[in-house]
Protein backbone atom coordinates (compact mmCIF):
# COMPACT_ATOMS: atom_id res chain seq x y z
CA MET A 1 19.90 4.38 8.11
CA SER A 2 22.56 6.91 9.17
CA LYS A 3 21.73 10.37 10.48
CA THR A 4 22.96 11.87 7.20
CA ASP A 5 20.78 9.54 5.13
CA PHE A 6 17.82 10.26 7.39
CA ARG A 7 18.33 14.03 6.94
CA ILE A 8 18.51 13.66 3.14
CA GLU A 9 15.32 11.57 3.19
CA ARG A 10 13.51 14.28 5.15
CA ILE A 11 14.64 16.98 2.72
CA LEU A 12 13.60 14.91 -0.30
CA HIS A 13 10.19 14.24 1.23
CA ALA A 14 9.74 17.96 1.84
CA TYR A 15 10.83 18.68 -1.74
CA VAL A 16 8.31 16.23 -3.22
CA ASP A 17 5.56 17.64 -0.99
CA GLY A 18 6.40 21.22 -2.07
CA GLU A 19 7.33 22.25 1.47
CA LEU A 20 10.85 23.62 0.91
CA ASP A 21 11.53 27.33 0.92
CA ALA A 22 13.01 28.82 -2.26
CA ARG A 23 16.59 28.92 -0.96
CA THR A 24 16.64 25.32 0.26
CA LYS A 25 14.95 24.09 -2.90
CA SER A 26 17.52 25.89 -5.05
CA ARG A 27 20.41 24.34 -3.10
CA LEU A 28 18.85 20.89 -3.37
CA LEU A 29 18.33 21.18 -7.13
CA ILE A 30 21.97 22.21 -7.58
CA GLN A 31 23.08 19.26 -5.44
CA MET A 32 20.93 16.81 -7.41
CA GLU A 33 22.57 17.92 -10.66
CA ASN A 34 25.61 15.89 -9.63
CA ASP A 35 23.94 13.35 -7.35
CA GLU A 36 22.32 10.54 -9.32
CA PRO A 37 21.13 8.58 -6.20
CA ALA A 38 19.36 11.70 -4.88
CA ARG A 39 17.68 12.32 -8.24
CA ALA A 40 16.56 8.71 -8.44
CA ARG A 41 15.25 8.81 -4.88
CA ALA A 42 13.28 11.99 -5.57
CA CYS A 43 11.68 10.34 -8.61
CA GLU A 44 10.85 7.27 -6.51
CA LEU A 45 9.19 9.37 -3.83
CA GLN A 46 7.18 11.26 -6.43
CA ARG A 47 5.95 7.98 -7.94
CA THR A 48 5.01 6.69 -4.50
CA LYS A 49 3.05 9.86 -3.82
CA GLU A 50 1.18 9.48 -7.10
CA TRP A 51 0.40 5.80 -6.38
CA VAL A 52 -1.12 6.65 -3.04
CA LYS A 53 -3.04 9.62 -4.44
CA PHE A 54 -4.41 7.51 -7.27
CA SER A 55 -5.22 4.50 -5.12
CA PHE A 56 -7.23 6.51 -2.61
CA GLU A 57 -8.78 9.03 -4.94
CA GLY A 58 -12.31 9.68 -3.70
CA GLU A 59 -11.72 8.01 -0.32
CA LYS A 60 -12.80 9.77 2.85
CA ALA A 61 -10.46 10.17 5.78
CA PRO A 62 -9.80 7.15 8.04
CA THR A 63 -12.27 6.92 10.89
CA ARG A 64 -9.81 6.32 13.67
CA THR A 65 -7.42 8.84 15.21
CA LEU A 66 -3.75 7.98 15.02
CA PRO A 67 -1.96 7.95 18.39
CA GLY A 68 0.26 10.85 19.27
CA ILE A 69 -1.24 13.38 16.87
CA ASN A 70 -0.67 16.88 18.19
CA TRP A 71 -3.00 19.89 18.11
CA ARG A 72 -1.67 21.18 14.80
CA LEU A 73 -2.15 17.86 13.03
CA ARG A 74 -5.69 17.51 14.35
CA HIS A 75 -6.52 20.77 12.58
CA THR A 76 -5.01 19.60 9.28
CA SER A 77 -7.03 17.80 6.61
CA PRO A 78 -7.45 14.21 7.87
CA PHE A 79 -7.03 12.77 4.39
CA HIS A 80 -3.82 14.77 3.91
CA ILE A 81 -2.46 13.32 7.14
CA ALA A 82 -3.38 9.78 6.12
CA ALA A 83 -1.96 10.11 2.62
CA SER A 84 1.23 11.76 3.87
CA LEU A 85 1.71 9.03 6.44
CA LEU A 86 1.28 6.36 3.79
CA ILE A 87 3.78 8.09 1.52
CA ALA A 88 6.32 8.46 4.30
CA LEU A 89 5.93 4.92 5.54
CA ILE A 90 6.15 3.36 2.09
CA ALA A 91 9.17 5.45 1.18
CA PHE A 92 11.02 5.12 4.48
CA GLY A 93 10.07 1.45 4.73
CA ALA A 94 13.20 0.19 3.00
CA GLY A 95 15.19 1.41 5.98
CA TRP A 96 12.73 0.49 8.70
CA GLY A 97 11.63 -3.04 7.74
CA GLY A 98 8.81 -2.63 5.24
CA ARG A 99 9.01 -1.44 1.66
CA SER A 100 7.10 -0.69 -1.52
CA ILE A 101 7.37 -2.79 -4.67
CA THR A 102 5.78 -2.64 -8.08
CA GLU A 103 6.21 -5.53 -10.46
CA ASP A 104 5.04 -7.14 -13.64
CA ALA A 105 4.14 -10.80 -14.05
CA SER A 106 7.56 -11.80 -15.41
CA GLN A 107 9.51 -10.69 -12.35
CA THR A 108 10.38 -12.79 -9.32
CA ILE A 109 9.64 -11.44 -5.86
CA VAL A 110 12.56 -11.24 -3.46
CA LEU A 111 11.43 -10.17 -0.03
CA ASN A 112 13.51 -8.83 2.82
CA THR A 113 14.25 -11.70 5.18
CA SER A 114 17.71 -10.54 6.23
CA ARG A 115 16.77 -10.72 9.90
CA ASN A 116 15.26 -14.19 9.56
CA GLU A 117 11.80 -12.72 9.78
CA ALA A 118 8.88 -14.33 8.00
CA PRO A 119 7.66 -11.94 5.28
CA HIS A 120 4.42 -10.06 5.83
CA VAL A 121 3.07 -8.77 2.54
CA ILE A 122 0.14 -6.67 1.34
CA LEU A 123 -0.88 -6.82 -2.31
CA HIS A 124 -3.08 -3.87 -3.19
CA ILE A 125 -5.57 -3.68 -6.07
CA SER A 126 -7.61 -0.53 -6.64
CA ASP A 127 -8.94 -0.75 -10.18
CA ALA A 128 -11.21 -3.09 -12.12
CA ASP A 129 -8.51 -4.35 -14.48
CA GLU A 130 -8.85 -8.10 -15.06
CA SER A 131 -5.23 -8.53 -16.15
CA ARG A 132 -3.99 -6.80 -13.00
CA PHE A 133 -6.10 -8.98 -10.74
CA VAL A 134 -4.86 -12.12 -12.49
CA LYS A 135 -1.34 -10.90 -11.61
CA VAL A 136 -2.47 -10.35 -8.02
CA LEU A 137 -3.65 -13.95 -7.76
CA GLU A 138 -0.51 -15.27 -9.43
CA ARG A 139 1.72 -13.21 -7.17
CA THR A 140 -0.21 -14.22 -4.07
CA GLU A 141 0.17 -17.92 -4.80
CA GLN A 142 3.81 -17.47 -5.75
CA ILE A 143 4.62 -15.90 -2.39
CA LEU A 144 2.57 -18.48 -0.51
CA ARG A 145 4.46 -21.32 -2.17
CA GLN A 146 7.86 -19.67 -1.94
CA TYR A 147 7.51 -19.00 1.78
CA ARG A 148 5.47 -22.03 2.81
CA ASN A 149 5.93 -23.06 6.45
CA THR A 150 7.86 -19.90 7.34
CA GLY A 151 5.12 -18.03 9.19
CA ALA A 152 4.62 -15.67 6.25
CA GLN A 153 1.39 -13.67 6.15
CA ILE A 154 -0.18 -12.43 2.91
CA GLU A 155 -3.10 -10.03 2.55
CA VAL A 156 -4.83 -8.94 -0.65
CA VAL A 157 -6.53 -5.58 -0.07
CA ALA A 158 -9.08 -4.23 -2.56
CA ASN A 159 -10.71 -0.82 -2.72
CA SER A 160 -12.42 1.30 -5.40
CA GLY A 161 -12.63 -0.67 -8.66
CA GLY A 162 -10.73 -3.59 -7.15
CA LEU A 163 -13.83 -4.44 -5.12
CA ASP A 164 -15.40 -5.92 -8.27
CA PHE A 165 -13.12 -8.93 -7.91
CA LEU A 166 -14.23 -9.71 -4.35
CA ARG A 167 -17.99 -9.31 -4.86
CA THR A 168 -19.96 -12.40 -5.84
CA ALA A 169 -22.06 -10.37 -8.27
CA SER A 170 -19.11 -9.20 -10.36
CA SER A 171 -16.10 -11.47 -9.81
CA HIS A 172 -14.92 -14.04 -12.33
CA HIS A 173 -12.42 -15.42 -9.81
CA ILE A 174 -14.66 -16.78 -7.08
CA ASN A 175 -13.35 -20.35 -7.26
CA SER A 176 -9.70 -19.23 -7.35
CA ILE A 177 -10.14 -17.03 -4.29
CA LYS A 178 -12.04 -19.72 -2.38
CA ARG A 179 -9.32 -22.23 -3.24
CA LEU A 180 -6.54 -20.00 -1.93
CA ILE A 181 -8.44 -19.27 1.28
CA ALA A 182 -9.19 -22.95 1.83
CA HIS A 183 -5.68 -24.16 0.97
CA TYR A 184 -3.64 -21.58 2.89
CA ASP A 185 -4.39 -20.45 6.42
CA ASN A 186 -1.96 -17.52 6.13
CA VAL A 187 -3.73 -15.58 3.38
CA ARG A 188 -6.53 -13.03 3.74
CA PHE A 189 -8.60 -11.19 1.16
CA ILE A 190 -9.88 -7.84 2.44
CA ALA A 191 -12.57 -5.70 0.83
CA CYS A 192 -12.79 -2.02 1.79
CA SER A 193 -15.89 -1.60 3.95
CA ARG A 194 -16.19 2.07 3.05
CA GLY A 195 -16.11 1.31 -0.67
CA LEU A 196 -18.73 -1.41 -0.24
CA GLY A 197 -20.90 1.10 1.59
CA ARG A 198 -20.75 3.43 -1.39
CA LEU A 199 -21.73 0.62 -3.75
CA ARG A 200 -24.59 -0.28 -1.42
CA GLU A 201 -25.84 3.30 -1.61
CA LEU A 202 -25.91 2.92 -5.40
CA GLY A 203 -28.14 -0.13 -5.05
CA LEU A 204 -25.46 -2.66 -6.05
CA ASP A 205 -25.06 -6.10 -4.52
CA THR A 206 -22.17 -5.90 -2.04
CA THR A 207 -22.09 -9.55 -0.99
CA VAL A 208 -18.45 -10.61 -0.87
CA ILE A 209 -17.02 -14.02 -1.62
CA GLU A 210 -17.15 -16.44 1.29
CA GLY A 211 -14.06 -16.00 3.44
CA VAL A 212 -13.37 -12.40 2.38
CA ASP A 213 -13.05 -9.91 5.25
CA ALA A 214 -15.11 -6.74 4.78
CA HIS A 215 -15.04 -5.14 8.22
CA ALA A 216 -12.54 -2.28 7.81
CA PRO A 217 -11.80 0.63 5.46
CA ALA A 218 -8.82 -0.09 3.19
CA ALA A 219 -7.04 3.15 4.15
CA ASP A 220 -7.23 2.34 7.87
CA HIS A 221 -5.98 -1.19 7.32
CA LEU A 222 -3.09 -0.21 5.08
CA ILE A 223 -1.93 2.45 7.53
CA GLU A 224 -2.00 -0.10 10.35
CA ARG A 225 -0.04 -2.70 8.37
CA LEU A 226 2.51 -0.20 7.09
CA THR A 227 3.20 1.02 10.63
CA GLU A 228 3.86 -2.63 11.50
CA GLY A 229 6.48 -2.86 8.76
CA TRP A 230 4.63 -4.97 6.20
CA THR A 231 5.91 -5.00 2.62
CA TYR A 232 3.51 -3.19 0.29
CA ILE A 233 3.12 -4.38 -3.30
CA ARG A 234 0.88 -2.51 -5.68
CA ILE A 235 0.13 -4.30 -8.95
């Protein structure tokens, strides 16, 4: 990413976050009238922001402190920091190694392996939609087969309503998940520990399917993976 592109990205991020002053915003809007790539990028960033906001609606702030946070950031809303970081990382990822993808079942995944790196992919599910989770399982197995023996790593992360698919009391996909875990040593299913805690407080059974990891909050884990450059796919 060139310095000019990086500067434009920063301005577009500030625009989407409502942080531009009136003069700069006016100049940007005029520029975007004749700049289709800039308009498209602004729309993409806005969608990404909405995905993150929707996916973590109701979540509390991550429990760990990110390294290098200065005094001002420590006095800002922790959730705002986490969400902003996710938005920035997902959006900037295309230039830094990771990226964000949304797909439907008919599309074929093409991951970034231009530097001969094995793909590292997170598939994120945050609602209790059976058809979406079927797509998650299909996509997971597709990637595993496509990149077999390449060192690829795949993680399926569930929070909020998506937890229903990883709990033994509510999932209709127990055998499919067990089969994937048993057949592939490079796939992990991760249930948000914070979300499970909330369900436990409601008196619900929070036992997860054998082999599912339930030791970390989804927000913490996604931030960690995105900083490592993993590709993020939300279905």
